[in-house]
Amino acid sequence: MADSARFFNSIGLQRIYDRGLSLASYLQSKVAGRWGSGVLSVSPSADPRFKTFLTAFNPFKAYNDPSQFSTMLTALNQARDALGAGSPKIYIRSITWRDKAKDPGTADNRAALRISTHALYNDPGEIDEMFRQLVKAIDATGLPQA
C-alpha cells in the first residue's frame, strides 16, 4: 500500500485527476456526437465541482420513458454482455435508478450504461476502440437509437 501511495504521489494526484476528467470529457463528446447530449445521465458541466471520471448514458430513443424501462434495460444488458464476451473483453456496467422527481414509485425506472475512464480506459485510443465496439453492440440490439 505504501508503494502504491508513493507511486501516486510521484505522478501527482492533480495530474491523475486532470487526466481522468479529460478522458471522461473525450468519451462524453463521442457519446454526444453519436446520440446527442440529451442521452447523458449527467450533462457535461464547465464547473469542475460537478465533473467525474464516470460517464453514464442511455443511447436509446426512449431513454426518458419509464414505461420502456424493462425493454431498455434488457437491451443495455445485452450490449454490456456482448462486450464482456468479446476479444478483447470490454468491461462496462449497466445501472438503474429511480427518478424521484418525476416518478415517485418504489421501483427503478431509469437505466444507463456506465463507463469508467479512470480504471480501464486510459488513453484516447483505448476509448476509441471501446466506443467502436460499443456502437456495434448497441446497433445489434435492434432498439431505435436517439
C-alpha atoms as a PDB file:
ATOM      1  CA  MET A   1       0.000   0.000   0.000  1.00  0.00           C
ATOM      2  CA  ALA A   2       2.822   2.390   0.836  1.00  0.00           C
ATOM      3  CA  ASP A   3       4.441   1.700  -2.554  1.00  0.00           C
ATOM      4  CA  SER A   4       1.154   2.486  -4.286  1.00  0.00           C
ATOM      5  CA  ALA A   5       0.817   5.750  -2.379  1.00  0.00           C
ATOM      6  CA  ARG A   6       4.377   6.737  -3.316  1.00  0.00           C
ATOM      7  CA  PHE A   7       3.676   5.894  -6.961  1.00  0.00           C
ATOM      8  CA  PHE A   8       0.518   8.027  -6.988  1.00  0.00           C
ATOM      9  CA  ASN A   9       2.362  10.876  -5.293  1.00  0.00           C
ATOM     10  CA  SER A  10       5.204  10.655  -7.829  1.00  0.00           C
ATOM     11  CA  ILE A  11       2.707  11.206 -10.648  1.00  0.00           C
ATOM     12  CA  GLY A  12       0.752  13.777  -8.675  1.00  0.00           C
ATOM     13  CA  LEU A  13      -2.867  13.483  -7.638  1.00  0.00           C
ATOM     14  CA  GLN A  14      -3.840  16.616  -9.557  1.00  0.00           C
ATOM     15  CA  ARG A  15      -2.339  15.212 -12.783  1.00  0.00           C
ATOM     16  CA  ILE A  16      -4.218  11.927 -12.272  1.00  0.00           C
ATOM     17  CA  TYR A  17      -7.439  13.820 -11.594  1.00  0.00           C
ATOM     18  CA  ASP A  18      -6.999  16.124 -14.612  1.00  0.00           C
ATOM     19  CA  ARG A  19      -6.272  13.188 -16.924  1.00  0.00           C
ATOM     20  CA  GLY A  20      -9.325  11.253 -15.722  1.00  0.00           C
ATOM     21  CA  LEU A  21     -11.546  14.271 -16.321  1.00  0.00           C
ATOM     22  CA  SER A  22     -10.014  14.827 -19.746  1.00  0.00           C
ATOM     23  CA  LEU A  23     -10.676  11.221 -20.775  1.00  0.00           C
ATOM     24  CA  ALA A  24     -14.241  11.371 -19.449  1.00  0.00           C
ATOM     25  CA  SER A  25     -14.852  14.575 -21.416  1.00  0.00           C
ATOM     26  CA  TYR A  26     -13.462  12.888 -24.504  1.00  0.00           C
ATOM     27  CA  LEU A  27     -15.821   9.929 -24.088  1.00  0.00           C
ATOM     28  CA  GLN A  28     -18.781  12.192 -23.346  1.00  0.00           C
ATOM     29  CA  SER A  29     -18.097  14.124 -26.551  1.00  0.00           C
ATOM     30  CA  LYS A  30     -18.115  10.843 -28.505  1.00  0.00           C
ATOM     31  CA  VAL A  31     -21.433   9.817 -26.913  1.00  0.00           C
ATOM     32  CA  ALA A  32     -22.964  13.244 -27.581  1.00  0.00           C
ATOM     33  CA  GLY A  33     -21.643  13.225 -31.145  1.00  0.00           C
ATOM     34  CA  ARG A  34     -23.273   9.874 -31.848  1.00  0.00           C
ATOM     35  CA  TRP A  35     -26.574  10.097 -29.924  1.00  0.00           C
ATOM     36  CA  GLY A  36     -26.868  13.715 -28.729  1.00  0.00           C
ATOM     37  CA  SER A  37     -26.000  15.211 -25.356  1.00  0.00           C
ATOM     38  CA  GLY A  38     -29.501  14.502 -24.029  1.00  0.00           C
ATOM     39  CA  VAL A  39     -28.667  10.799 -23.607  1.00  0.00           C
ATOM     40  CA  LEU A  40     -26.003  11.588 -20.994  1.00  0.00           C
ATOM     41  CA  SER A  41     -27.295  10.928 -17.490  1.00  0.00           C
ATOM     42  CA  VAL A  42     -25.377  13.944 -16.222  1.00  0.00           C
ATOM     43  CA  SER A  43     -24.885  16.817 -18.634  1.00  0.00           C
ATOM     44  CA  PRO A  44     -21.307  17.972 -19.145  1.00  0.00           C
ATOM     45  CA  SER A  45     -20.530  20.935 -16.906  1.00  0.00           C
ATOM     46  CA  ALA A  46     -17.902  23.625 -17.094  1.00  0.00           C
ATOM     47  CA  ASP A  47     -17.895  23.707 -13.293  1.00  0.00           C
ATOM     48  CA  PRO A  48     -15.126  21.333 -12.107  1.00  0.00           C
ATOM     49  CA  ARG A  49     -17.026  20.602  -8.882  1.00  0.00           C
ATOM     50  CA  PHE A  50     -19.529  18.597 -10.911  1.00  0.00           C
ATOM     51  CA  LYS A  51     -17.113  16.635 -13.104  1.00  0.00           C
ATOM     52  CA  THR A  52     -16.341  12.955 -12.658  1.00  0.00           C
ATOM     53  CA  PHE A  53     -14.386  10.156 -14.324  1.00  0.00           C
ATOM     54  CA  LEU A  54     -17.621   8.239 -14.917  1.00  0.00           C
ATOM     55  CA  THR A  55     -19.838   8.544 -17.981  1.00  0.00           C
ATOM     56  CA  ALA A  56     -23.394   7.223 -17.857  1.00  0.00           C
ATOM     57  CA  PHE A  57     -25.796   7.304 -20.786  1.00  0.00           C
ATOM     58  CA  ASN A  58     -28.705   5.569 -22.455  1.00  0.00           C
ATOM     59  CA  PRO A  59     -28.426   5.678 -26.267  1.00  0.00           C
ATOM     60  CA  PHE A  60     -31.981   4.587 -26.994  1.00  0.00           C
ATOM     61  CA  LYS A  61     -34.722   6.809 -28.331  1.00  0.00           C
ATOM     62  CA  ALA A  62     -36.976   6.095 -25.338  1.00  0.00           C
ATOM     63  CA  TYR A  63     -34.226   6.847 -22.783  1.00  0.00           C
ATOM     64  CA  ASN A  64     -36.527   9.176 -20.878  1.00  0.00           C
ATOM     65  CA  ASP A  65     -39.656   6.985 -20.984  1.00  0.00           C
ATOM     66  CA  PRO A  66     -40.092   4.958 -17.780  1.00  0.00           C
ATOM     67  CA  SER A  67     -42.660   2.711 -19.487  1.00  0.00           C
ATOM     68  CA  GLN A  68     -39.796   1.406 -21.662  1.00  0.00           C
ATOM     69  CA  PHE A  69     -37.504   0.697 -18.692  1.00  0.00           C
ATOM     70  CA  SER A  70     -37.588  -3.104 -18.925  1.00  0.00           C
ATOM     71  CA  THR A  71     -37.042  -3.168 -22.689  1.00  0.00           C
ATOM     72  CA  MET A  72     -34.145  -0.722 -22.491  1.00  0.00           C
ATOM     73  CA  LEU A  73     -32.520  -2.478 -19.533  1.00  0.00           C
ATOM     74  CA  THR A  74     -32.637  -5.775 -21.410  1.00  0.00           C
ATOM     75  CA  ALA A  75     -31.011  -4.159 -24.458  1.00  0.00           C
ATOM     76  CA  LEU A  76     -28.371  -2.370 -22.364  1.00  0.00           C
ATOM     77  CA  ASN A  77     -27.508  -5.625 -20.609  1.00  0.00           C
ATOM     78  CA  GLN A  78     -27.360  -7.397 -23.977  1.00  0.00           C
ATOM     79  CA  ALA A  79     -24.837  -4.834 -25.249  1.00  0.00           C
ATOM     80  CA  ARG A  80     -22.854  -4.973 -21.996  1.00  0.00           C
ATOM     81  CA  ASP A  81     -22.701  -8.771 -22.068  1.00  0.00           C
ATOM     82  CA  ALA A  82     -21.668  -8.853 -25.734  1.00  0.00           C
ATOM     83  CA  LEU A  83     -18.752  -6.541 -24.977  1.00  0.00           C
ATOM     84  CA  GLY A  84     -17.696  -8.657 -21.996  1.00  0.00           C
ATOM     85  CA  ALA A  85     -17.771 -11.812 -24.122  1.00  0.00           C
ATOM     86  CA  GLY A  86     -15.706 -10.278 -26.941  1.00  0.00           C
ATOM     87  CA  SER A  87     -11.983 -10.384 -27.513  1.00  0.00           C
ATOM     88  CA  PRO A  88     -10.538  -8.374 -26.031  1.00  0.00           C
ATOM     89  CA  LYS A  89     -13.092  -8.230 -23.268  1.00  0.00           C
ATOM     90  CA  ILE A  90     -14.567  -4.770 -22.728  1.00  0.00           C
ATOM     91  CA  TYR A  91     -15.937  -4.106 -19.289  1.00  0.00           C
ATOM     92  CA  ILE A  92     -18.709  -1.602 -18.719  1.00  0.00           C
ATOM     93  CA  ARG A  93     -21.662  -1.632 -16.333  1.00  0.00           C
ATOM     94  CA  SER A  94     -25.352  -1.144 -16.618  1.00  0.00           C
ATOM     95  CA  ILE A  95     -27.004   0.823 -13.856  1.00  0.00           C
ATOM     96  CA  THR A  96     -30.563   1.545 -12.797  1.00  0.00           C
ATOM     97  CA  TRP A  97     -32.154   4.135 -10.570  1.00  0.00           C
ATOM     98  CA  ARG A  98     -35.485   5.673  -9.700  1.00  0.00           C
ATOM     99  CA  ASP A  99     -36.150   9.186 -10.939  1.00  0.00           C
ATOM    100  CA  LYS A 100     -37.574  10.561  -7.689  1.00  0.00           C
ATOM    101  CA  ALA A 101     -38.501  13.951  -9.083  1.00  0.00           C
ATOM    102  CA  LYS A 102     -40.699  12.696 -11.908  1.00  0.00           C
ATOM    103  CA  ASP A 103     -41.651   9.162 -10.870  1.00  0.00           C
ATOM    104  CA  PRO A 104     -42.139   8.765  -7.109  1.00  0.00           C
ATOM    105  CA  GLY A 105     -42.758   4.987  -7.227  1.00  0.00           C
ATOM    106  CA  THR A 106     -40.656   2.486  -5.353  1.00  0.00           C
ATOM    107  CA  ALA A 107     -39.043   0.613  -8.269  1.00  0.00           C
ATOM    108  CA  ASP A 108     -36.191   1.715 -10.519  1.00  0.00           C
ATOM    109  CA  ASN A 109     -37.411   3.165 -13.793  1.00  0.00           C
ATOM    110  CA  ARG A 110     -34.278   4.553 -15.459  1.00  0.00           C
ATOM    111  CA  ALA A 111     -31.347   2.635 -16.946  1.00  0.00           C
ATOM    112  CA  ALA A 112     -27.999   3.513 -18.476  1.00  0.00           C
ATOM    113  CA  LEU A 113     -24.583   2.184 -19.335  1.00  0.00           C
ATOM    114  CA  ARG A 114     -21.730   3.403 -17.144  1.00  0.00           C
ATOM    115  CA  ILE A 115     -18.153   3.619 -18.324  1.00  0.00           C
ATOM    116  CA  SER A 116     -15.164   4.398 -16.154  1.00  0.00           C
ATOM    117  CA  THR A 117     -12.288   6.314 -17.736  1.00  0.00           C
ATOM    118  CA  HIS A 118     -10.175   6.129 -14.600  1.00  0.00           C
ATOM    119  CA  ALA A 119      -9.935   2.385 -14.212  1.00  0.00           C
ATOM    120  CA  LEU A 120      -9.993   0.661 -17.580  1.00  0.00           C
ATOM    121  CA  TYR A 121      -9.687   3.066 -20.493  1.00  0.00           C
ATOM    122  CA  ASN A 122      -6.509   5.037 -20.064  1.00  0.00           C
ATOM    123  CA  ASP A 123      -5.949   6.856 -23.320  1.00  0.00           C
ATOM    124  CA  PRO A 124      -7.981   8.183 -26.260  1.00  0.00           C
ATOM    125  CA  GLY A 125      -7.017   5.188 -28.416  1.00  0.00           C
ATOM    126  CA  GLU A 126      -8.466   2.745 -25.894  1.00  0.00           C
ATOM    127  CA  ILE A 127     -11.612   4.853 -25.633  1.00  0.00           C
ATOM    128  CA  ASP A 128     -11.916   4.941 -29.442  1.00  0.00           C
ATOM    129  CA  GLU A 129     -11.705   1.144 -29.707  1.00  0.00           C
ATOM    130  CA  MET A 130     -14.092   0.576 -26.804  1.00  0.00           C
ATOM    131  CA  PHE A 131     -16.552   3.051 -28.341  1.00  0.00           C
ATOM    132  CA  ARG A 132     -16.331   1.421 -31.765  1.00  0.00           C
ATOM    133  CA  GLN A 133     -17.198  -1.954 -30.241  1.00  0.00           C
ATOM    134  CA  LEU A 134     -19.899  -0.372 -28.072  1.00  0.00           C
ATOM    135  CA  VAL A 135     -21.651   1.153 -31.089  1.00  0.00           C
ATOM    136  CA  LYS A 136     -21.672  -2.262 -32.797  1.00  0.00           C
ATOM    137  CA  ALA A 137     -23.145  -3.903 -29.678  1.00  0.00           C
ATOM    138  CA  ILE A 138     -25.827  -1.225 -29.329  1.00  0.00           C
ATOM    139  CA  ASP A 139     -26.670  -1.459 -33.032  1.00  0.00           C
ATOM    140  CA  ALA A 140     -27.094  -5.223 -32.598  1.00  0.00           C
ATOM    141  CA  THR A 141     -29.861  -4.738 -30.004  1.00  0.00           C
ATOM    142  CA  GLY A 142     -32.229  -3.513 -32.691  1.00  0.00           C
ATOM    143  CA  LEU A 143     -33.804  -0.852 -30.460  1.00  0.00           C
ATOM    144  CA  PRO A 144     -34.326   2.608 -32.012  1.00  0.00           C
ATOM    145  CA  GLN A 145     -31.494   4.932 -31.040  1.00  0.00           C
ATOM    146  CA  ALA A 146     -31.624   8.568 -30.068  1.00  0.00           C
END
